[in-house]
Amino acid sequence: AVVEAVRSSRTHSMLPIVCMSSVKDKEDITRLVGFGIADYI
């Protein structure tokens, strides 16, 4: 939700984001990559 809010912001949409999680769900990771995150650890 934080990533979605940042990417929909007029002023912070290009902020580089690194996500970290124990979740390995491919669909969730693909969705985050679609938001243009810089890395997923």
PDB file of all heavy atoms in Angstrom:
ATOM      1  N   ALA A   1       0.826  -1.204   0.000  1.00  0.00           N
ATOM      2  CA  ALA A   1       0.000   0.000   0.000  1.00  0.00           C
ATOM      3  C   ALA A   1       0.864   1.259   0.000  1.00  0.00           C
ATOM      4  O   ALA A   1       0.517   2.265  -0.639  1.00  0.00           O
ATOM      5  CB  ALA A   1      -0.931  -0.007   1.209  1.00  0.00           C
ATOM      6  N   VAL A   2       2.001   1.207   0.696  1.00  0.00           N
ATOM      7  CA  VAL A   2       2.922   2.349   0.697  1.00  0.00           C
ATOM      8  C   VAL A   2       3.474   2.579  -0.704  1.00  0.00           C
ATOM      9  O   VAL A   2       3.517   3.710  -1.201  1.00  0.00           O
ATOM     10  CB  VAL A   2       4.074   2.121   1.703  1.00  0.00           C
ATOM     11  CG1 VAL A   2       5.147   3.193   1.542  1.00  0.00           C
ATOM     12  CG2 VAL A   2       3.540   2.112   3.120  1.00  0.00           C
ATOM     13  N   VAL A   3       3.889   1.500  -1.364  1.00  0.00           N
ATOM     14  CA  VAL A   3       4.423   1.612  -2.725  1.00  0.00           C
ATOM     15  C   VAL A   3       3.360   2.192  -3.665  1.00  0.00           C
ATOM     16  O   VAL A   3       3.645   3.084  -4.476  1.00  0.00           O
ATOM     17  CB  VAL A   3       4.913   0.242  -3.236  1.00  0.00           C
ATOM     18  CG1 VAL A   3       5.296   0.323  -4.709  1.00  0.00           C
ATOM     19  CG2 VAL A   3       6.100  -0.239  -2.407  1.00  0.00           C
ATOM     20  N   GLU A   4       2.132   1.707  -3.559  1.00  0.00           N
ATOM     21  CA  GLU A   4       1.049   2.226  -4.403  1.00  0.00           C
ATOM     22  C   GLU A   4       0.838   3.712  -4.162  1.00  0.00           C
ATOM     23  O   GLU A   4       0.659   4.481  -5.116  1.00  0.00           O
ATOM     24  CB  GLU A   4      -0.247   1.464  -4.108  1.00  0.00           C
ATOM     25  CG  GLU A   4      -0.264   0.036  -4.623  1.00  0.00           C
ATOM     26  CD  GLU A   4      -1.637  -0.590  -4.476  1.00  0.00           C
ATOM     27  OE1 GLU A   4      -2.625   0.052  -4.870  1.00  0.00           O
ATOM     28  OE2 GLU A   4      -1.737  -1.707  -3.954  1.00  0.00           O
ATOM     29  N   ALA A   5       0.840   4.117  -2.901  1.00  0.00           N
ATOM     30  CA  ALA A   5       0.623   5.525  -2.587  1.00  0.00           C
ATOM     31  C   ALA A   5       1.740   6.402  -3.135  1.00  0.00           C
ATOM     32  O   ALA A   5       1.486   7.489  -3.680  1.00  0.00           O
ATOM     33  CB  ALA A   5       0.512   5.702  -1.068  1.00  0.00           C
ATOM     34  N   VAL A   6       2.981   5.933  -3.018  1.00  0.00           N
ATOM     35  CA  VAL A   6       4.116   6.705  -3.521  1.00  0.00           C
ATOM     36  C   VAL A   6       4.047   6.830  -5.040  1.00  0.00           C
ATOM     37  O   VAL A   6       4.237   7.910  -5.601  1.00  0.00           O
ATOM     38  CB  VAL A   6       5.448   6.055  -3.093  1.00  0.00           C
ATOM     39  CG1 VAL A   6       6.625   6.710  -3.804  1.00  0.00           C
ATOM     40  CG2 VAL A   6       5.622   6.144  -1.584  1.00  0.00           C
ATOM     41  N   ARG A   7       3.763   5.732  -5.708  1.00  0.00           N
ATOM     42  CA  ARG A   7       3.730   5.764  -7.172  1.00  0.00           C
ATOM     43  C   ARG A   7       2.548   6.579  -7.716  1.00  0.00           C
ATOM     44  O   ARG A   7       2.591   7.073  -8.840  1.00  0.00           O
ATOM     45  CB  ARG A   7       3.667   4.339  -7.732  1.00  0.00           C
ATOM     46  CG  ARG A   7       4.988   3.584  -7.586  1.00  0.00           C
ATOM     47  CD  ARG A   7       6.061   4.209  -8.482  1.00  0.00           C
ATOM     48  NE  ARG A   7       7.345   3.540  -8.323  1.00  0.00           N
ATOM     49  CZ  ARG A   7       8.385   4.053  -7.682  1.00  0.00           C
ATOM     50  NH1 ARG A   7       8.294   5.266  -7.142  1.00  0.00           N
ATOM     51  NH2 ARG A   7       9.514   3.395  -7.575  1.00  0.00           N
ATOM     52  N   SER A   8       1.498   6.743  -6.933  1.00  0.00           N
ATOM     53  CA  SER A   8       0.353   7.545  -7.382  1.00  0.00           C
ATOM     54  C   SER A   8       0.489   9.011  -6.979  1.00  0.00           C
ATOM     55  O   SER A   8      -0.353   9.835  -7.327  1.00  0.00           O
ATOM     56  CB  SER A   8      -0.955   6.978  -6.806  1.00  0.00           C
ATOM     57  OG  SER A   8      -0.959   7.066  -5.398  1.00  0.00           O
ATOM     58  N   SER A   9       1.558   9.335  -6.258  1.00  0.00           N
ATOM     59  CA  SER A   9       1.773  10.712  -5.815  1.00  0.00           C
ATOM     60  C   SER A   9       2.289  11.574  -6.957  1.00  0.00           C
ATOM     61  O   SER A   9       3.116  11.145  -7.766  1.00  0.00           O
ATOM     62  CB  SER A   9       2.786  10.726  -4.666  1.00  0.00           C
ATOM     63  OG  SER A   9       3.267  12.026  -4.425  1.00  0.00           O
ATOM     64  N   ARG A  10       1.805  12.809  -6.999  1.00  0.00           N
ATOM     65  CA  ARG A  10       2.295  13.734  -8.026  1.00  0.00           C
ATOM     66  C   ARG A  10       3.726  14.160  -7.759  1.00  0.00           C
ATOM     67  O   ARG A  10       4.465  14.475  -8.695  1.00  0.00           O
ATOM     68  CB  ARG A  10       1.391  14.978  -8.082  1.00  0.00           C
ATOM     69  CG  ARG A  10      -0.003  14.729  -8.613  1.00  0.00           C
ATOM     70  CD  ARG A  10      -0.725  16.039  -8.872  1.00  0.00           C
ATOM     71  NE  ARG A  10      -0.902  16.820  -7.669  1.00  0.00           N
ATOM     72  CZ  ARG A  10      -1.969  16.771  -6.897  1.00  0.00           C
ATOM     73  NH1 ARG A  10      -2.954  15.954  -7.197  1.00  0.00           N
ATOM     74  NH2 ARG A  10      -2.071  17.529  -5.820  1.00  0.00           N
ATOM     75  N   THR A  11       4.123  14.186  -6.494  1.00  0.00           N
ATOM     76  CA  THR A  11       5.422  14.750  -6.146  1.00  0.00           C
ATOM     77  C   THR A  11       6.488  13.726  -5.782  1.00  0.00           C
ATOM     78  O   THR A  11       7.665  14.065  -5.733  1.00  0.00           O
ATOM     79  CB  THR A  11       5.266  15.733  -4.969  1.00  0.00           C
ATOM     80  OG1 THR A  11       4.592  15.069  -3.901  1.00  0.00           O
ATOM     81  CG2 THR A  11       4.457  16.946  -5.384  1.00  0.00           C
ATOM     82  N   HIS A  12       6.106  12.473  -5.509  1.00  0.00           N
ATOM     83  CA  HIS A  12       7.085  11.475  -5.067  1.00  0.00           C
ATOM     84  C   HIS A  12       7.067  10.213  -5.933  1.00  0.00           C
ATOM     85  O   HIS A  12       7.589   9.181  -5.525  1.00  0.00           O
ATOM     86  CB  HIS A  12       6.816  11.082  -3.608  1.00  0.00           C
ATOM     87  CG  HIS A  12       6.895  12.227  -2.653  1.00  0.00           C
ATOM     88  ND1 HIS A  12       5.788  12.968  -2.282  1.00  0.00           N
ATOM     89  CD2 HIS A  12       7.946  12.787  -2.000  1.00  0.00           C
ATOM     90  CE1 HIS A  12       6.160  13.911  -1.441  1.00  0.00           C
ATOM     91  NE2 HIS A  12       7.456  13.829  -1.248  1.00  0.00           N
ATOM     92  N   SER A  13       6.461  10.290  -7.109  1.00  0.00           N
ATOM     93  CA  SER A  13       6.241   9.074  -7.894  1.00  0.00           C
ATOM     94  C   SER A  13       7.532   8.412  -8.364  1.00  0.00           C
ATOM     95  O   SER A  13       7.539   7.226  -8.676  1.00  0.00           O
ATOM     96  CB  SER A  13       5.362   9.391  -9.111  1.00  0.00           C
ATOM     97  OG  SER A  13       5.979  10.350  -9.951  1.00  0.00           O
ATOM     98  N   MET A  14       8.638   9.157  -8.425  1.00  0.00           N
ATOM     99  CA  MET A  14       9.892   8.589  -8.914  1.00  0.00           C
ATOM    100  C   MET A  14      10.845   8.166  -7.792  1.00  0.00           C
ATOM    101  O   MET A  14      11.983   7.799  -8.053  1.00  0.00           O
ATOM    102  CB  MET A  14      10.581   9.585  -9.848  1.00  0.00           C
ATOM    103  CG  MET A  14       9.857   9.778 -11.163  1.00  0.00           C
ATOM    104  SD  MET A  14      10.845  10.677 -12.365  1.00  0.00           S
ATOM    105  CE  MET A  14      12.191   9.526 -12.627  1.00  0.00           C
ATOM    106  N   LEU A  15      10.390   8.239  -6.551  1.00  0.00           N
ATOM    107  CA  LEU A  15      11.233   7.843  -5.428  1.00  0.00           C
ATOM    108  C   LEU A  15      11.702   6.394  -5.581  1.00  0.00           C
ATOM    109  O   LEU A  15      10.883   5.482  -5.700  1.00  0.00           O
ATOM    110  CB  LEU A  15      10.436   7.990  -4.129  1.00  0.00           C
ATOM    111  CG  LEU A  15      11.101   7.520  -2.832  1.00  0.00           C
ATOM    112  CD1 LEU A  15      12.319   8.388  -2.510  1.00  0.00           C
ATOM    113  CD2 LEU A  15      10.111   7.546  -1.678  1.00  0.00           C
ATOM    114  N   PRO A  16      13.014   6.113  -5.593  1.00  0.00           N
ATOM    115  CA  PRO A  16      13.502   4.730  -5.682  1.00  0.00           C
ATOM    116  C   PRO A  16      13.120   3.923  -4.438  1.00  0.00           C
ATOM    117  O   PRO A  16      13.310   4.382  -3.315  1.00  0.00           O
ATOM    118  CB  PRO A  16      15.029   4.893  -5.794  1.00  0.00           C
ATOM    119  CG  PRO A  16      15.235   6.290  -6.266  1.00  0.00           C
ATOM    120  CD  PRO A  16      14.127   7.087  -5.656  1.00  0.00           C
ATOM    121  N   ILE A  17      12.587   2.721  -4.654  1.00  0.00           N
ATOM    122  CA  ILE A  17      12.075   1.903  -3.563  1.00  0.00           C
ATOM    123  C   ILE A  17      12.694   0.510  -3.607  1.00  0.00           C
ATOM    124  O   ILE A  17      12.729  -0.120  -4.670  1.00  0.00           O
ATOM    125  CB  ILE A  17      10.541   1.767  -3.639  1.00  0.00           C
ATOM    126  CG1 ILE A  17       9.870   3.149  -3.605  1.00  0.00           C
ATOM    127  CG2 ILE A  17      10.015   0.898  -2.505  1.00  0.00           C
ATOM    128  CD1 ILE A  17       8.377   3.100  -3.861  1.00  0.00           C
ATOM    129  N   VAL A  18      13.148   0.029  -2.456  1.00  0.00           N
ATOM    130  CA  VAL A  18      13.583  -1.358  -2.294  1.00  0.00           C
ATOM    131  C   VAL A  18      12.613  -2.025  -1.330  1.00  0.00           C
ATOM    132  O   VAL A  18      12.367  -1.506  -0.231  1.00  0.00           O
ATOM    133  CB  VAL A  18      15.022  -1.442  -1.741  1.00  0.00           C
ATOM    134  CG1 VAL A  18      15.380  -2.888  -1.428  1.00  0.00           C
ATOM    135  CG2 VAL A  18      16.012  -0.852  -2.738  1.00  0.00           C
ATOM    136  N   CYS A  19      12.050  -3.159  -1.745  1.00  0.00           N
ATOM    137  CA  CYS A  19      11.099  -3.891  -0.899  1.00  0.00           C
ATOM    138  C   CYS A  19      11.780  -5.122  -0.289  1.00  0.00           C
ATOM    139  O   CYS A  19      12.608  -5.758  -0.944  1.00  0.00           O
ATOM    140  CB  CYS A  19       9.877  -4.327  -1.706  1.00  0.00           C
ATOM    141  SG  CYS A  19       8.864  -2.955  -2.280  1.00  0.00           S
ATOM    142  N   MET A  20      11.387  -5.447   0.942  1.00  0.00           N
ATOM    143  CA  MET A  20      11.938  -6.603   1.647  1.00  0.00           C
ATOM    144  C   MET A  20      10.781  -7.403   2.238  1.00  0.00           C
ATOM    145  O   MET A  20       9.862  -6.833   2.816  1.00  0.00           O
ATOM    146  CB  MET A  20      12.876  -6.141   2.762  1.00  0.00           C
ATOM    147  CG  MET A  20      14.041  -5.291   2.260  1.00  0.00           C
ATOM    148  SD  MET A  20      14.865  -4.394   3.603  1.00  0.00           S
ATOM    149  CE  MET A  20      13.611  -3.171   4.009  1.00  0.00           C
ATOM    150  N   SER A  21      10.849  -8.722   2.091  1.00  0.00           N
ATOM    151  CA  SER A  21       9.765  -9.551   2.615  1.00  0.00           C
ATOM    152  C   SER A  21      10.184 -11.011   2.630  1.00  0.00           C
ATOM    153  O   SER A  21      11.070 -11.433   1.884  1.00  0.00           O
ATOM    154  CB  SER A  21       8.509  -9.383   1.745  1.00  0.00           C
ATOM    155  OG  SER A  21       7.466 -10.225   2.197  1.00  0.00           O
ATOM    156  N   SER A  22       9.528 -11.785   3.490  1.00  0.00           N
ATOM    157  CA  SER A  22       9.703 -13.238   3.486  1.00  0.00           C
ATOM    158  C   SER A  22       8.734 -13.910   2.522  1.00  0.00           C
ATOM    159  O   SER A  22       8.793 -15.117   2.310  1.00  0.00           O
ATOM    160  CB  SER A  22       9.485 -13.789   4.911  1.00  0.00           C
ATOM    161  OG  SER A  22       8.193 -13.447   5.375  1.00  0.00           O
ATOM    162  N   VAL A  23       7.832 -13.112   1.936  1.00  0.00           N
ATOM    163  CA  VAL A  23       6.841 -13.630   0.995  1.00  0.00           C
ATOM    164  C   VAL A  23       7.503 -13.890  -0.355  1.00  0.00           C
ATOM    165  O   VAL A  23       8.167 -13.017  -0.910  1.00  0.00           O
ATOM    166  CB  VAL A  23       5.670 -12.640   0.833  1.00  0.00           C
ATOM    167  CG1 VAL A  23       4.700 -13.138  -0.226  1.00  0.00           C
ATOM    168  CG2 VAL A  23       4.965 -12.448   2.167  1.00  0.00           C
ATOM    169  N   LYS A  24       7.302 -15.089  -0.879  1.00  0.00           N
ATOM    170  CA  LYS A  24       7.917 -15.459  -2.151  1.00  0.00           C
ATOM    171  C   LYS A  24       6.872 -15.609  -3.268  1.00  0.00           C
ATOM    172  O   LYS A  24       7.161 -16.168  -4.312  1.00  0.00           O
ATOM    173  CB  LYS A  24       8.682 -16.768  -2.000  1.00  0.00           C
ATOM    174  CG  LYS A  24       9.778 -16.708  -0.945  1.00  0.00           C
ATOM    175  CD  LYS A  24      10.502 -18.042  -0.822  1.00  0.00           C
ATOM    176  CE  LYS A  24      11.570 -18.003   0.258  1.00  0.00           C
ATOM    177  NZ  LYS A  24      12.278 -19.295   0.398  1.00  0.00           N
ATOM    178  N   ASP A  25       5.662 -15.116  -3.019  1.00  0.00           N
ATOM    179  CA  ASP A  25       4.584 -15.260  -3.993  1.00  0.00           C
ATOM    180  C   ASP A  25       4.932 -14.510  -5.280  1.00  0.00           C
ATOM    181  O   ASP A  25       5.170 -13.293  -5.266  1.00  0.00           O
ATOM    182  CB  ASP A  25       3.280 -14.726  -3.404  1.00  0.00           C
ATOM    183  CG  ASP A  25       2.110 -14.958  -4.332  1.00  0.00           C
ATOM    184  OD1 ASP A  25       1.582 -16.077  -4.344  1.00  0.00           O
ATOM    185  OD2 ASP A  25       1.738 -14.010  -5.056  1.00  0.00           O
ATOM    186  N   LYS A  26       4.940 -15.241  -6.384  1.00  0.00           N
ATOM    187  CA  LYS A  26       5.352 -14.665  -7.663  1.00  0.00           C
ATOM    188  C   LYS A  26       4.425 -13.536  -8.091  1.00  0.00           C
ATOM    189  O   LYS A  26       4.875 -12.516  -8.634  1.00  0.00           O
ATOM    190  CB  LYS A  26       5.389 -15.765  -8.730  1.00  0.00           C
ATOM    191  CG  LYS A  26       5.873 -15.273 -10.095  1.00  0.00           C
ATOM    192  CD  LYS A  26       5.943 -16.413 -11.090  1.00  0.00           C
ATOM    193  CE  LYS A  26       6.425 -15.917 -12.455  1.00  0.00           C
ATOM    194  NZ  LYS A  26       6.484 -17.024 -13.441  1.00  0.00           N
ATOM    195  N   GLU A  27       3.135 -13.709  -7.853  1.00  0.00           N
ATOM    196  CA  GLU A  27       2.175 -12.689  -8.272  1.00  0.00           C
ATOM    197  C   GLU A  27       2.398 -11.379  -7.515  1.00  0.00           C
ATOM    198  O   GLU A  27       2.359 -10.293  -8.114  1.00  0.00           O
ATOM    199  CB  GLU A  27       0.750 -13.195  -8.031  1.00  0.00           C
ATOM    200  CG  GLU A  27      -0.330 -12.240  -8.528  1.00  0.00           C
ATOM    201  CD  GLU A  27      -1.715 -12.813  -8.364  1.00  0.00           C
ATOM    202  OE1 GLU A  27      -1.858 -14.064  -8.315  1.00  0.00           O
ATOM    203  OE2 GLU A  27      -2.673 -12.007  -8.277  1.00  0.00           O
ATOM    204  N   ASP A  28       2.663 -11.477  -6.211  1.00  0.00           N
ATOM    205  CA  ASP A  28       2.921 -10.273  -5.421  1.00  0.00           C
ATOM    206  C   ASP A  28       4.191  -9.570  -5.874  1.00  0.00           C
ATOM    207  O   ASP A  28       4.236  -8.334  -5.989  1.00  0.00           O
ATOM    208  CB  ASP A  28       3.037 -10.627  -3.934  1.00  0.00           C
ATOM    209  CG  ASP A  28       1.703 -11.035  -3.330  1.00  0.00           C
ATOM    210  OD1 ASP A  28       0.662 -10.719  -3.942  1.00  0.00           O
ATOM    211  OD2 ASP A  28       1.697 -11.673  -2.266  1.00  0.00           O
ATOM    212  N   ILE A  29       5.227 -10.356  -6.150  1.00  0.00           N
ATOM    213  CA  ILE A  29       6.493  -9.764  -6.592  1.00  0.00           C
ATOM    214  C   ILE A  29       6.321  -9.108  -7.956  1.00  0.00           C
ATOM    215  O   ILE A  29       6.813  -7.999  -8.200  1.00  0.00           O
ATOM    216  CB  ILE A  29       7.598 -10.837  -6.639  1.00  0.00           C
ATOM    217  CG1 ILE A  29       7.858 -11.373  -5.213  1.00  0.00           C
ATOM    218  CG2 ILE A  29       8.883 -10.268  -7.233  1.00  0.00           C
ATOM    219  CD1 ILE A  29       8.828 -12.531  -5.164  1.00  0.00           C
ATOM    220  N   THR A  30       5.607  -9.783  -8.853  1.00  0.00           N
ATOM    221  CA  THR A  30       5.362  -9.221 -10.192  1.00  0.00           C
ATOM    222  C   THR A  30       4.603  -7.908 -10.094  1.00  0.00           C
ATOM    223  O   THR A  30       4.889  -6.951 -10.826  1.00  0.00           O
ATOM    224  CB  THR A  30       4.567 -10.219 -11.050  1.00  0.00           C
ATOM    225  OG1 THR A  30       5.313 -11.437 -11.156  1.00  0.00           O
ATOM    226  CG2 THR A  30       4.307  -9.653 -12.434  1.00  0.00           C
ATOM    227  N   ARG A  31       3.640  -7.848  -9.192  1.00  0.00           N
ATOM    228  CA  ARG A  31       2.867  -6.621  -9.010  1.00  0.00           C
ATOM    229  C   ARG A  31       3.764  -5.476  -8.557  1.00  0.00           C
ATOM    230  O   ARG A  31       3.654  -4.338  -9.049  1.00  0.00           O
ATOM    231  CB  ARG A  31       1.758  -6.861  -7.985  1.00  0.00           C
ATOM    232  CG  ARG A  31       0.836  -5.670  -7.776  1.00  0.00           C
ATOM    233  CD  ARG A  31      -0.169  -5.981  -6.694  1.00  0.00           C
ATOM    234  NE  ARG A  31      -1.050  -4.865  -6.438  1.00  0.00           N
ATOM    235  CZ  ARG A  31      -1.800  -4.729  -5.357  1.00  0.00           C
ATOM    236  NH1 ARG A  31      -1.772  -5.666  -4.426  1.00  0.00           N
ATOM    237  NH2 ARG A  31      -2.578  -3.679  -5.199  1.00  0.00           N
ATOM    238  N   LEU A  32       4.668  -5.763  -7.614  1.00  0.00           N
ATOM    239  CA  LEU A  32       5.572  -4.726  -7.136  1.00  0.00           C
ATOM    240  C   LEU A  32       6.543  -4.277  -8.221  1.00  0.00           C
ATOM    241  O   LEU A  32       6.843  -3.088  -8.350  1.00  0.00           O
ATOM    242  CB  LEU A  32       6.330  -5.226  -5.905  1.00  0.00           C
ATOM    243  CG  LEU A  32       5.490  -5.356  -4.631  1.00  0.00           C
ATOM    244  CD1 LEU A  32       6.237  -6.161  -3.578  1.00  0.00           C
ATOM    245  CD2 LEU A  32       5.140  -3.978  -4.085  1.00  0.00           C
ATOM    246  N   VAL A  33       7.038  -5.226  -9.005  1.00  0.00           N
ATOM    247  CA  VAL A  33       7.915  -4.879 -10.122  1.00  0.00           C
ATOM    248  C   VAL A  33       7.167  -3.978 -11.101  1.00  0.00           C
ATOM    249  O   VAL A  33       7.732  -3.028 -11.680  1.00  0.00           O
ATOM    250  CB  VAL A  33       8.432  -6.150 -10.830  1.00  0.00           C
ATOM    251  CG1 VAL A  33       9.137  -5.797 -12.144  1.00  0.00           C
ATOM    252  CG2 VAL A  33       9.390  -6.917  -9.918  1.00  0.00           C
ATOM    253  N   GLY A  34       5.868  -4.245 -11.265  1.00  0.00           N
ATOM    254  CA  GLY A  34       5.045  -3.397 -12.123  1.00  0.00           C
ATOM    255  C   GLY A  34       4.959  -1.963 -11.637  1.00  0.00           C
ATOM    256  O   GLY A  34       4.729  -1.042 -12.431  1.00  0.00           O
ATOM    257  N   PHE A  35       5.128  -1.774 -10.331  1.00  0.00           N
ATOM    258  CA  PHE A  35       5.143  -0.422  -9.783  1.00  0.00           C
ATOM    259  C   PHE A  35       6.512   0.239  -9.921  1.00  0.00           C
ATOM    260  O   PHE A  35       6.707   1.379  -9.499  1.00  0.00           O
ATOM    261  CB  PHE A  35       4.757  -0.447  -8.300  1.00  0.00           C
ATOM    262  CG  PHE A  35       3.282  -0.612  -8.058  1.00  0.00           C
ATOM    263  CD1 PHE A  35       2.816  -1.665  -7.300  1.00  0.00           C
ATOM    264  CD2 PHE A  35       2.372   0.275  -8.597  1.00  0.00           C
ATOM    265  CE1 PHE A  35       1.458  -1.827  -7.072  1.00  0.00           C
ATOM    266  CE2 PHE A  35       1.015   0.130  -8.373  1.00  0.00           C
ATOM    267  CZ  PHE A  35       0.554  -0.929  -7.617  1.00  0.00           C
ATOM    268  N   GLY A  36       7.454  -0.489 -10.496  1.00  0.00           N
ATOM    269  CA  GLY A  36       8.762   0.106 -10.748  1.00  0.00           C
ATOM    270  C   GLY A  36       9.669   0.157  -9.546  1.00  0.00           C
ATOM    271  O   GLY A  36      10.437   1.113  -9.377  1.00  0.00           O
ATOM    272  N   ILE A  37       9.634  -0.873  -8.672  1.00  0.00           N
ATOM    273  CA  ILE A  37      10.566  -0.883  -7.547  1.00  0.00           C
ATOM    274  C   ILE A  37      11.979  -1.173  -8.052  1.00  0.00           C
ATOM    275  O   ILE A  37      12.164  -1.785  -9.108  1.00  0.00           O
ATOM    276  CB  ILE A  37      10.154  -1.908  -6.471  1.00  0.00           C
ATOM    277  CG1 ILE A  37      10.228  -3.335  -7.027  1.00  0.00           C
ATOM    278  CG2 ILE A  37       8.776  -1.587  -5.924  1.00  0.00           C
ATOM    279  CD1 ILE A  37      10.071  -4.405  -5.958  1.00  0.00           C
ATOM    280  N   ALA A  38      12.965  -0.721  -7.301  1.00  0.00           N
ATOM    281  CA  ALA A  38      14.357  -0.881  -7.724  1.00  0.00           C
ATOM    282  C   ALA A  38      14.910  -2.264  -7.394  1.00  0.00           C
ATOM    283  O   ALA A  38      15.800  -2.767  -8.083  1.00  0.00           O
ATOM    284  CB  ALA A  38      15.232   0.187  -7.060  1.00  0.00           C
ATOM    285  N   ASP A  39      14.384  -2.920  -6.330  1.00  0.00           N
ATOM    286  CA  ASP A  39      14.865  -4.260  -5.969  1.00  0.00           C
ATOM    287  C   ASP A  39      13.865  -4.893  -5.003  1.00  0.00           C
ATOM    288  O   ASP A  39      13.069  -4.200  -4.359  1.00  0.00           O
ATOM    289  CB  ASP A  39      16.246  -4.180  -5.307  1.00  0.00           C
ATOM    290  CG  ASP A  39      17.020  -5.507  -5.413  1.00  0.00           C
ATOM    291  OD1 ASP A  39      16.414  -6.517  -5.844  1.00  0.00           O
ATOM    292  OD2 ASP A  39      18.203  -5.524  -5.058  1.00  0.00           O
ATOM    293  N   TYR A  40      13.925  -6.232  -4.923  1.00  0.00           N
ATOM    294  CA  TYR A  40      13.079  -6.997  -4.006  1.00  0.00           C
ATOM    295  C   TYR A  40      13.990  -8.003  -3.311  1.00  0.00           C
ATOM    296  O   TYR A  40      14.612  -8.851  -3.962  1.00  0.00           O
ATOM    297  CB  TYR A  40      11.968  -7.718  -4.768  1.00  0.00           C
ATOM    298  CG  TYR A  40      10.939  -8.394  -3.886  1.00  0.00           C
ATOM    299  CD1 TYR A  40       9.762  -7.740  -3.540  1.00  0.00           C
ATOM    300  CD2 TYR A  40      11.140  -9.686  -3.395  1.00  0.00           C
ATOM    301  CE1 TYR A  40       8.808  -8.349  -2.735  1.00  0.00           C
ATOM    302  CE2 TYR A  40      10.202 -10.304  -2.586  1.00  0.00           C
ATOM    303  CZ  TYR A  40       9.033  -9.632  -2.264  1.00  0.00           C
ATOM    304  OH  TYR A  40       8.091 -10.241  -1.464  1.00  0.00           O
ATOM    305  N   ILE A  41      14.096  -7.883  -1.989  1.00  0.00           N
ATOM    306  CA  ILE A  41      15.035  -8.710  -1.236  1.00  0.00           C
ATOM    307  C   ILE A  41      14.251  -9.629  -0.303  1.00  0.00           C
ATOM    308  O   ILE A  41      13.407  -9.172   0.470  1.00  0.00           O
ATOM    309  CB  ILE A  41      16.001  -7.834  -0.428  1.00  0.00           C
ATOM    310  CG1 ILE A  41      16.814  -6.939  -1.377  1.00  0.00           C
ATOM    311  CG2 ILE A  41      16.925  -8.690   0.423  1.00  0.00           C
ATOM    312  CD1 ILE A  41      17.715  -5.962  -0.663  1.00  0.00           C
TER     313      ILE A  41
END
